[in-house]
PDB file of all heavy atoms in Angstrom:
ATOM      1  N   ALA A   1     116.213 102.685  91.190  1.00  0.00           N
ATOM      2  CA  ALA A   1     114.870 102.367  91.622  1.00  0.00           C
ATOM      3  C   ALA A   1     113.960 103.576  91.563  1.00  0.00           C
ATOM      4  O   ALA A   1     112.777 103.464  91.267  1.00  0.00           O
ATOM      5  CB  ALA A   1     114.876 101.796  93.036  1.00  0.00           C
ATOM      6  N   ASP A   2     114.513 104.764  91.843  1.00  0.00           N
ATOM      7  CA  ASP A   2     113.684 105.975  91.806  1.00  0.00           C
ATOM      8  C   ASP A   2     113.211 106.277  90.402  1.00  0.00           C
ATOM      9  O   ASP A   2     112.124 106.855  90.234  1.00  0.00           O
ATOM     10  CB  ASP A   2     114.548 107.171  92.320  1.00  0.00           C
ATOM     11  CG  ASP A   2     114.868 107.038  93.804  1.00  0.00           C
ATOM     12  OD1 ASP A   2     114.006 106.566  94.569  1.00  0.00           O
ATOM     13  OD2 ASP A   2     115.971 107.445  94.157  1.00  0.00           O
ATOM     14  N   THR A   3     113.937 105.905  89.415  1.00  0.00           N
ATOM     15  CA  THR A   3     113.584 106.250  88.068  1.00  0.00           C
ATOM     16  C   THR A   3     112.855 105.100  87.325  1.00  0.00           C
ATOM     17  O   THR A   3     112.124 105.338  86.379  1.00  0.00           O
ATOM     18  CB  THR A   3     114.831 106.605  87.227  1.00  0.00           C
ATOM     19  OG1 THR A   3     115.695 105.471  87.186  1.00  0.00           O
ATOM     20  CG2 THR A   3     115.539 107.777  87.810  1.00  0.00           C
ATOM     21  N   CYS A   4     113.028 103.859  87.822  1.00  0.00           N
ATOM     22  CA  CYS A   4     112.491 102.734  87.115  1.00  0.00           C
ATOM     23  C   CYS A   4     111.150 102.267  87.666  1.00  0.00           C
ATOM     24  O   CYS A   4     110.525 101.353  87.102  1.00  0.00           O
ATOM     25  CB  CYS A   4     113.478 101.565  87.184  1.00  0.00           C
ATOM     26  SG  CYS A   4     115.024 101.885  86.286  1.00  0.00           S
ATOM     27  N   THR A   5     110.668 102.772  88.782  1.00  0.00           N
ATOM     28  CA  THR A   5     109.386 102.364  89.331  1.00  0.00           C
ATOM     29  C   THR A   5     108.794 103.476  90.145  1.00  0.00           C
ATOM     30  O   THR A   5     109.485 104.242  90.788  1.00  0.00           O
ATOM     31  CB  THR A   5     109.541 101.100  90.198  1.00  0.00           C
ATOM     32  OG1 THR A   5     108.267 100.786  90.759  1.00  0.00           O
ATOM     33  CG2 THR A   5     110.540 101.308  91.292  1.00  0.00           C
ATOM     34  N   ASN A   6     107.480 103.563  90.148  1.00  0.00           N
ATOM     35  CA  ASN A   6     106.758 104.549  90.930  1.00  0.00           C
ATOM     36  C   ASN A   6     105.984 103.876  92.068  1.00  0.00           C
ATOM     37  O   ASN A   6     105.133 104.504  92.705  1.00  0.00           O
ATOM     38  CB  ASN A   6     105.770 105.347  90.030  1.00  0.00           C
ATOM     39  CG  ASN A   6     106.508 106.243  89.051  1.00  0.00           C
ATOM     40  OD1 ASN A   6     107.509 106.855  89.381  1.00  0.00           O
ATOM     41  ND2 ASN A   6     106.013 106.269  87.819  1.00  0.00           N
ATOM     42  N   GLU A   7     106.223 102.600  92.272  1.00  0.00           N
ATOM     43  CA  GLU A   7     105.523 101.898  93.330  1.00  0.00           C
ATOM     44  C   GLU A   7     105.900 102.430  94.704  1.00  0.00           C
ATOM     45  O   GLU A   7     106.997 102.962  94.914  1.00  0.00           O
ATOM     46  CB  GLU A   7     105.844 100.398  93.259  1.00  0.00           C
ATOM     47  CG  GLU A   7     105.392  99.742  91.974  1.00  0.00           C
ATOM     48  CD  GLU A   7     105.930  98.305  91.850  1.00  0.00           C
ATOM     49  OE1 GLU A   7     106.632  97.895  92.766  1.00  0.00           O
ATOM     50  OE2 GLU A   7     105.606  97.677  90.849  1.00  0.00           O
ATOM     51  N   GLY A   8     105.014 102.245  95.682  1.00  0.00           N
ATOM     52  CA  GLY A   8     105.295 102.663  97.029  1.00  0.00           C
ATOM     53  C   GLY A   8     106.413 101.832  97.639  1.00  0.00           C
ATOM     54  O   GLY A   8     106.662 100.720  97.209  1.00  0.00           O
ATOM     55  N   ARG A   9     107.005 102.413  98.647  1.00  0.00           N
ATOM     56  CA  ARG A   9     108.157 101.757  99.311  1.00  0.00           C
ATOM     57  C   ARG A   9     107.800 100.387  99.847  1.00  0.00           C
ATOM     58  O   ARG A   9     108.496  99.398  99.589  1.00  0.00           O
ATOM     59  CB  ARG A   9     108.642 102.634 100.448  1.00  0.00           C
ATOM     60  CG  ARG A   9     109.877 102.111 101.168  1.00  0.00           C
ATOM     61  CD  ARG A   9     110.090 102.889 102.458  1.00  0.00           C
ATOM     62  NE  ARG A   9     109.139 102.484 103.471  1.00  0.00           N
ATOM     63  CZ  ARG A   9     109.038 103.052 104.677  1.00  0.00           C
ATOM     64  NH1 ARG A   9     109.834 104.064 104.960  1.00  0.00           N
ATOM     65  NH2 ARG A   9     108.163 102.584 105.562  1.00  0.00           N
ATOM     66  N   ASP A  10     106.721 100.285 100.591  1.00  0.00           N
ATOM     67  CA  ASP A  10     106.366  99.011 101.209  1.00  0.00           C
ATOM     68  C   ASP A  10     105.998  97.948 100.195  1.00  0.00           C
ATOM     69  O   ASP A  10     106.380  96.797 100.317  1.00  0.00           O
ATOM     70  CB  ASP A  10     105.218  99.193 102.219  1.00  0.00           C
ATOM     71  CG  ASP A  10     105.627 100.055 103.407  1.00  0.00           C
ATOM     72  OD1 ASP A  10     106.852 100.200 103.617  1.00  0.00           O
ATOM     73  OD2 ASP A  10     104.745 100.605 104.080  1.00  0.00           O
ATOM     74  N   GLU A  11     105.244  98.357  99.176  1.00  0.00           N
ATOM     75  CA  GLU A  11     104.878  97.402  98.137  1.00  0.00           C
ATOM     76  C   GLU A  11     106.095  96.916  97.364  1.00  0.00           C
ATOM     77  O   GLU A  11     106.215  95.749  97.042  1.00  0.00           O
ATOM     78  CB  GLU A  11     103.870  98.056  97.186  1.00  0.00           C
ATOM     79  CG  GLU A  11     103.370  97.110  96.100  1.00  0.00           C
ATOM     80  CD  GLU A  11     102.395  97.778  95.137  1.00  0.00           C
ATOM     81  OE1 GLU A  11     102.023  98.945  95.410  1.00  0.00           O
ATOM     82  OE2 GLU A  11     102.016  97.136  94.140  1.00  0.00           O
ATOM     83  N   ARG A  12     107.010  97.841  97.089  1.00  0.00           N
ATOM     84  CA  ARG A  12     108.232  97.477  96.364  1.00  0.00           C
ATOM     85  C   ARG A  12     109.102  96.510  97.193  1.00  0.00           C
ATOM     86  O   ARG A  12     109.638  95.551  96.668  1.00  0.00           O
ATOM     87  CB  ARG A  12     109.037  98.745  96.029  1.00  0.00           C
ATOM     88  CG  ARG A  12     110.038  98.503  94.914  1.00  0.00           C
ATOM     89  CD  ARG A  12     110.619  99.827  94.410  1.00  0.00           C
ATOM     90  NE  ARG A  12     111.719 100.272  95.246  1.00  0.00           N
ATOM     91  CZ  ARG A  12     111.813 101.473  95.798  1.00  0.00           C
ATOM     92  NH1 ARG A  12     110.802 102.319  95.644  1.00  0.00           N
ATOM     93  NH2 ARG A  12     112.848 101.817  96.503  1.00  0.00           N
ATOM     94  N   PHE A  13     109.129  96.765  98.510  1.00  0.00           N
ATOM     95  CA  PHE A  13     109.928  95.886  99.383  1.00  0.00           C
ATOM     96  C   PHE A  13     109.297  94.498  99.427  1.00  0.00           C
ATOM     97  O   PHE A  13     109.998  93.487  99.363  1.00  0.00           O
ATOM     98  CB  PHE A  13     110.006  96.463 100.775  1.00  0.00           C
ATOM     99  CG  PHE A  13     110.631  95.529 101.766  1.00  0.00           C
ATOM    100  CD1 PHE A  13     112.004  95.360 101.781  1.00  0.00           C
ATOM    101  CD2 PHE A  13     109.833  94.801 102.658  1.00  0.00           C
ATOM    102  CE1 PHE A  13     112.584  94.465 102.682  1.00  0.00           C
ATOM    103  CE2 PHE A  13     110.437  93.909 103.559  1.00  0.00           C
ATOM    104  CZ  PHE A  13     111.798  93.752 103.558  1.00  0.00           C
ATOM    105  N   GLN A  14     107.945  94.431  99.552  1.00  0.00           N
ATOM    106  CA  GLN A  14     107.278  93.128  99.630  1.00  0.00           C
ATOM    107  C   GLN A  14     107.504  92.347  98.354  1.00  0.00           C
ATOM    108  O   GLN A  14     107.681  91.111  98.370  1.00  0.00           O
ATOM    109  CB  GLN A  14     105.780  93.330  99.883  1.00  0.00           C
ATOM    110  CG  GLN A  14     105.060  92.025 100.224  1.00  0.00           C
ATOM    111  CD  GLN A  14     105.627  91.371 101.490  1.00  0.00           C
ATOM    112  OE1 GLN A  14     105.809  92.048 102.524  1.00  0.00           O
ATOM    113  NE2 GLN A  14     105.942  90.070 101.405  1.00  0.00           N
ATOM    114  N   LYS A  15     107.468  92.992  97.228  1.00  0.00           N
ATOM    115  CA  LYS A  15     107.751  92.314  95.950  1.00  0.00           C
ATOM    116  C   LYS A  15     109.153  91.756  95.904  1.00  0.00           C
ATOM    117  O   LYS A  15     109.418  90.639  95.446  1.00  0.00           O
ATOM    118  CB  LYS A  15     107.507  93.270  94.771  1.00  0.00           C
ATOM    119  CG  LYS A  15     106.058  93.463  94.425  1.00  0.00           C
ATOM    120  CD  LYS A  15     105.915  94.246  93.116  1.00  0.00           C
ATOM    121  CE  LYS A  15     104.463  94.346  92.697  1.00  0.00           C
ATOM    122  NZ  LYS A  15     104.286  95.043  91.384  1.00  0.00           N
ATOM    123  N   ALA A  16     110.101  92.562  96.392  1.00  0.00           N
ATOM    124  CA  ALA A  16     111.506  92.102  96.415  1.00  0.00           C
ATOM    125  C   ALA A  16     111.638  90.904  97.351  1.00  0.00           C
ATOM    126  O   ALA A  16     112.324  89.933  97.000  1.00  0.00           O
ATOM    127  CB  ALA A  16     112.393  93.258  96.870  1.00  0.00           C
ATOM    128  N   LEU A  17     111.011  90.966  98.484  1.00  0.00           N
ATOM    129  CA  LEU A  17     111.069  89.857  99.464  1.00  0.00           C
ATOM    130  C   LEU A  17     110.470  88.586  98.862  1.00  0.00           C
ATOM    131  O   LEU A  17     111.044  87.500  98.986  1.00  0.00           O
ATOM    132  CB  LEU A  17     110.360  90.242 100.756  1.00  0.00           C
ATOM    133  CG  LEU A  17     110.406  89.273 101.920  1.00  0.00           C
ATOM    134  CD1 LEU A  17     111.838  89.039 102.348  1.00  0.00           C
ATOM    135  CD2 LEU A  17     109.564  89.759 103.077  1.00  0.00           C
ATOM    136  N   ASP A  18     109.315  88.699  98.239  1.00  0.00           N
ATOM    137  CA  ASP A  18     108.671  87.528  97.637  1.00  0.00           C
ATOM    138  C   ASP A  18     109.471  86.956  96.490  1.00  0.00           C
ATOM    139  O   ASP A  18     109.402  85.777  96.240  1.00  0.00           O
ATOM    140  CB  ASP A  18     107.248  87.897  97.162  1.00  0.00           C
ATOM    141  CG  ASP A  18     106.301  88.182  98.311  1.00  0.00           C
ATOM    142  OD1 ASP A  18     106.609  87.788  99.452  1.00  0.00           O
ATOM    143  OD2 ASP A  18     105.289  88.843  98.065  1.00  0.00           O
ATOM    144  N   THR A  19     110.243  87.819  95.802  1.00  0.00           N
ATOM    145  CA  THR A  19     111.057  87.362  94.697  1.00  0.00           C
ATOM    146  C   THR A  19     112.219  86.485  95.191  1.00  0.00           C
ATOM    147  O   THR A  19     112.559  85.469  94.598  1.00  0.00           O
ATOM    148  CB  THR A  19     111.634  88.532  93.893  1.00  0.00           C
ATOM    149  OG1 THR A  19     110.545  89.281  93.325  1.00  0.00           O
ATOM    150  CG2 THR A  19     112.555  88.048  92.780  1.00  0.00           C
ATOM    151  N   ILE A  20     112.809  86.901  96.313  1.00  0.00           N
ATOM    152  CA  ILE A  20     114.009  86.203  96.826  1.00  0.00           C
ATOM    153  C   ILE A  20     113.658  85.085  97.774  1.00  0.00           C
ATOM    154  O   ILE A  20     114.235  83.997  97.715  1.00  0.00           O
ATOM    155  CB  ILE A  20     114.930  87.235  97.539  1.00  0.00           C
ATOM    156  CG1 ILE A  20     115.313  88.372  96.583  1.00  0.00           C
ATOM    157  CG2 ILE A  20     116.206  86.523  98.054  1.00  0.00           C
ATOM    158  CD1 ILE A  20     115.977  87.954  95.323  1.00  0.00           C
ATOM    159  N   VAL A  21     112.681  85.302  98.669  1.00  0.00           N
ATOM    160  CA  VAL A  21     112.308  84.303  99.643  1.00  0.00           C
ATOM    161  C   VAL A  21     110.851  83.960  99.437  1.00  0.00           C
ATOM    162  O   VAL A  21     109.956  84.718  99.811  1.00  0.00           O
ATOM    163  CB  VAL A  21     112.503  84.818 101.097  1.00  0.00           C
ATOM    164  CG1 VAL A  21     112.229  83.728 102.094  1.00  0.00           C
ATOM    165  CG2 VAL A  21     113.915  85.358 101.285  1.00  0.00           C
ATOM    166  N   ARG A  22     110.577  82.814  98.825  1.00  0.00           N
ATOM    167  CA  ARG A  22     109.193  82.425  98.566  1.00  0.00           C
ATOM    168  C   ARG A  22     108.522  82.120  99.896  1.00  0.00           C
ATOM    169  O   ARG A  22     109.128  81.549 100.773  1.00  0.00           O
ATOM    170  CB  ARG A  22     109.142  81.256  97.619  1.00  0.00           C
ATOM    171  CG  ARG A  22     109.626  81.585  96.224  1.00  0.00           C
ATOM    172  CD  ARG A  22     109.549  80.422  95.263  1.00  0.00           C
ATOM    173  NE  ARG A  22     109.820  80.850  93.914  1.00  0.00           N
ATOM    174  CZ  ARG A  22     111.015  80.959  93.399  1.00  0.00           C
ATOM    175  NH1 ARG A  22     112.074  80.721  94.142  1.00  0.00           N
ATOM    176  NH2 ARG A  22     111.188  81.361  92.130  1.00  0.00           N
ATOM    177  N   PRO A  23     107.221  82.444  99.998  1.00  0.00           N
ATOM    178  CA  PRO A  23     106.523  82.245 101.279  1.00  0.00           C
ATOM    179  C   PRO A  23     106.636  80.852 101.859  1.00  0.00           C
ATOM    180  O   PRO A  23     106.811  80.721 103.061  1.00  0.00           O
ATOM    181  CB  PRO A  23     105.058  82.547 100.885  1.00  0.00           C
ATOM    182  CG  PRO A  23     105.146  83.509  99.734  1.00  0.00           C
ATOM    183  CD  PRO A  23     106.369  83.081  98.971  1.00  0.00           C
ATOM    184  N   GLY A  24     106.623  79.826 101.043  1.00  0.00           N
ATOM    185  CA  GLY A  24     106.743  78.492 101.594  1.00  0.00           C
ATOM    186  C   GLY A  24     108.105  78.192 102.201  1.00  0.00           C
ATOM    187  O   GLY A  24     108.217  77.369 103.085  1.00  0.00           O
ATOM    188  N   ASP A  25     109.132  78.900 101.707  1.00  0.00           N
ATOM    189  CA  ASP A  25     110.469  78.651 102.204  1.00  0.00           C
ATOM    190  C   ASP A  25     110.712  79.259 103.566  1.00  0.00           C
ATOM    191  O   ASP A  25     111.621  78.848 104.281  1.00  0.00           O
ATOM    192  CB  ASP A  25     111.507  79.233 101.220  1.00  0.00           C
ATOM    193  CG  ASP A  25     111.603  78.429  99.922  1.00  0.00           C
ATOM    194  OD1 ASP A  25     111.175  77.252  99.938  1.00  0.00           O
ATOM    195  OD2 ASP A  25     112.038  78.973  98.911  1.00  0.00           O
ATOM    196  N   ARG A  26     109.899  80.232 103.939  1.00  0.00           N
ATOM    197  CA  ARG A  26     110.131  80.925 105.225  1.00  0.00           C
ATOM    198  C   ARG A  26     109.814  80.000 106.377  1.00  0.00           C
ATOM    199  O   ARG A  26     110.381  80.116 107.458  1.00  0.00           O
ATOM    200  CB  ARG A  26     109.294  82.186 105.280  1.00  0.00           C
ATOM    201  CG  ARG A  26     109.707  83.211 104.238  1.00  0.00           C
ATOM    202  CD  ARG A  26     108.837  84.451 104.368  1.00  0.00           C
ATOM    203  NE  ARG A  26     108.710  85.053 103.029  1.00  0.00           N
ATOM    204  CZ  ARG A  26     107.863  86.029 102.773  1.00  0.00           C
ATOM    205  NH1 ARG A  26     107.126  86.522 103.702  1.00  0.00           N
ATOM    206  NH2 ARG A  26     107.795  86.505 101.578  1.00  0.00           N
ATOM    207  N   ALA A  27     108.834  79.103 106.178  1.00  0.00           N
ATOM    208  CA  ALA A  27     108.461  78.174 107.232  1.00  0.00           C
ATOM    209  C   ALA A  27     109.512  77.066 107.410  1.00  0.00           C
ATOM    210  O   ALA A  27     109.717  76.535 108.473  1.00  0.00           O
ATOM    211  CB  ALA A  27     107.094  77.553 106.967  1.00  0.00           C
ATOM    212  N   ARG A  28     110.211  76.740 106.296  1.00  0.00           N
ATOM    213  CA  ARG A  28     111.291  75.804 106.379  1.00  0.00           C
ATOM    214  C   ARG A  28     112.579  76.573 106.424  1.00  0.00           C
ATOM    215  O   ARG A  28     112.595  77.806 106.411  1.00  0.00           O
ATOM    216  CB  ARG A  28     111.253  74.889 105.112  1.00  0.00           C
ATOM    217  CG  ARG A  28     109.923  74.200 104.904  1.00  0.00           C
ATOM    218  CD  ARG A  28     110.039  73.196 103.777  1.00  0.00           C
ATOM    219  NE  ARG A  28     110.443  73.785 102.524  1.00  0.00           N
ATOM    220  CZ  ARG A  28     109.559  74.344 101.675  1.00  0.00           C
ATOM    221  NH1 ARG A  28     108.292  74.361 101.941  1.00  0.00           N
ATOM    222  NH2 ARG A  28     109.987  74.860 100.526  1.00  0.00           N
ATOM    223  N   HIS A  29     113.685  75.863 106.494  1.00  0.00           N
ATOM    224  CA  HIS A  29     114.974  76.568 106.492  1.00  0.00           C
ATOM    225  C   HIS A  29     115.500  76.620 105.070  1.00  0.00           C
ATOM    226  O   HIS A  29     116.595  76.117 104.797  1.00  0.00           O
ATOM    227  CB  HIS A  29     115.958  75.883 107.438  1.00  0.00           C
ATOM    228  CG  HIS A  29     117.178  76.711 107.665  1.00  0.00           C
ATOM    229  ND1 HIS A  29     117.106  78.049 107.978  1.00  0.00           N
ATOM    230  CD2 HIS A  29     118.469  76.392 107.623  1.00  0.00           C
ATOM    231  CE1 HIS A  29     118.337  78.514 108.110  1.00  0.00           C
ATOM    232  NE2 HIS A  29     119.180  77.539 107.903  1.00  0.00           N
ATOM    233  N   GLY A  30     114.747  77.261 104.185  1.00  0.00           N
ATOM    234  CA  GLY A  30     115.129  77.311 102.795  1.00  0.00           C
ATOM    235  C   GLY A  30     115.813  78.636 102.478  1.00  0.00           C
ATOM    236  O   GLY A  30     115.627  79.190 101.399  1.00  0.00           O
ATOM    237  N   ILE A  31     116.549  79.168 103.410  1.00  0.00           N
ATOM    238  CA  ILE A  31     117.193  80.453 103.206  1.00  0.00           C
ATOM    239  C   ILE A  31     118.701  80.277 103.126  1.00  0.00           C
ATOM    240  O   ILE A  31     119.252  79.280 103.565  1.00  0.00           O
ATOM    241  CB  ILE A  31     116.857  81.420 104.363  1.00  0.00           C
ATOM    242  CG1 ILE A  31     117.362  80.817 105.678  1.00  0.00           C
ATOM    243  CG2 ILE A  31     115.399  81.714 104.438  1.00  0.00           C
ATOM    244  CD1 ILE A  31     117.311  81.774 106.820  1.00  0.00           C
ATOM    245  N   GLY A  32     119.331  81.292 102.599  1.00  0.00           N
ATOM    246  CA  GLY A  32     120.796  81.282 102.609  1.00  0.00           C
ATOM    247  C   GLY A  32     121.424  80.209 101.754  1.00  0.00           C
ATOM    248  O   GLY A  32     122.605  79.973 101.829  1.00  0.00           O
TER     249      GLY A  32
END
């Protein structure tokens, strides 16, 4: 990750979260 992206930590984390858990799924039990 250090070599493949220069994005900030928080922005990179938010992108990862949105990739795995879509916003609509968080309100429902669409996890796991």
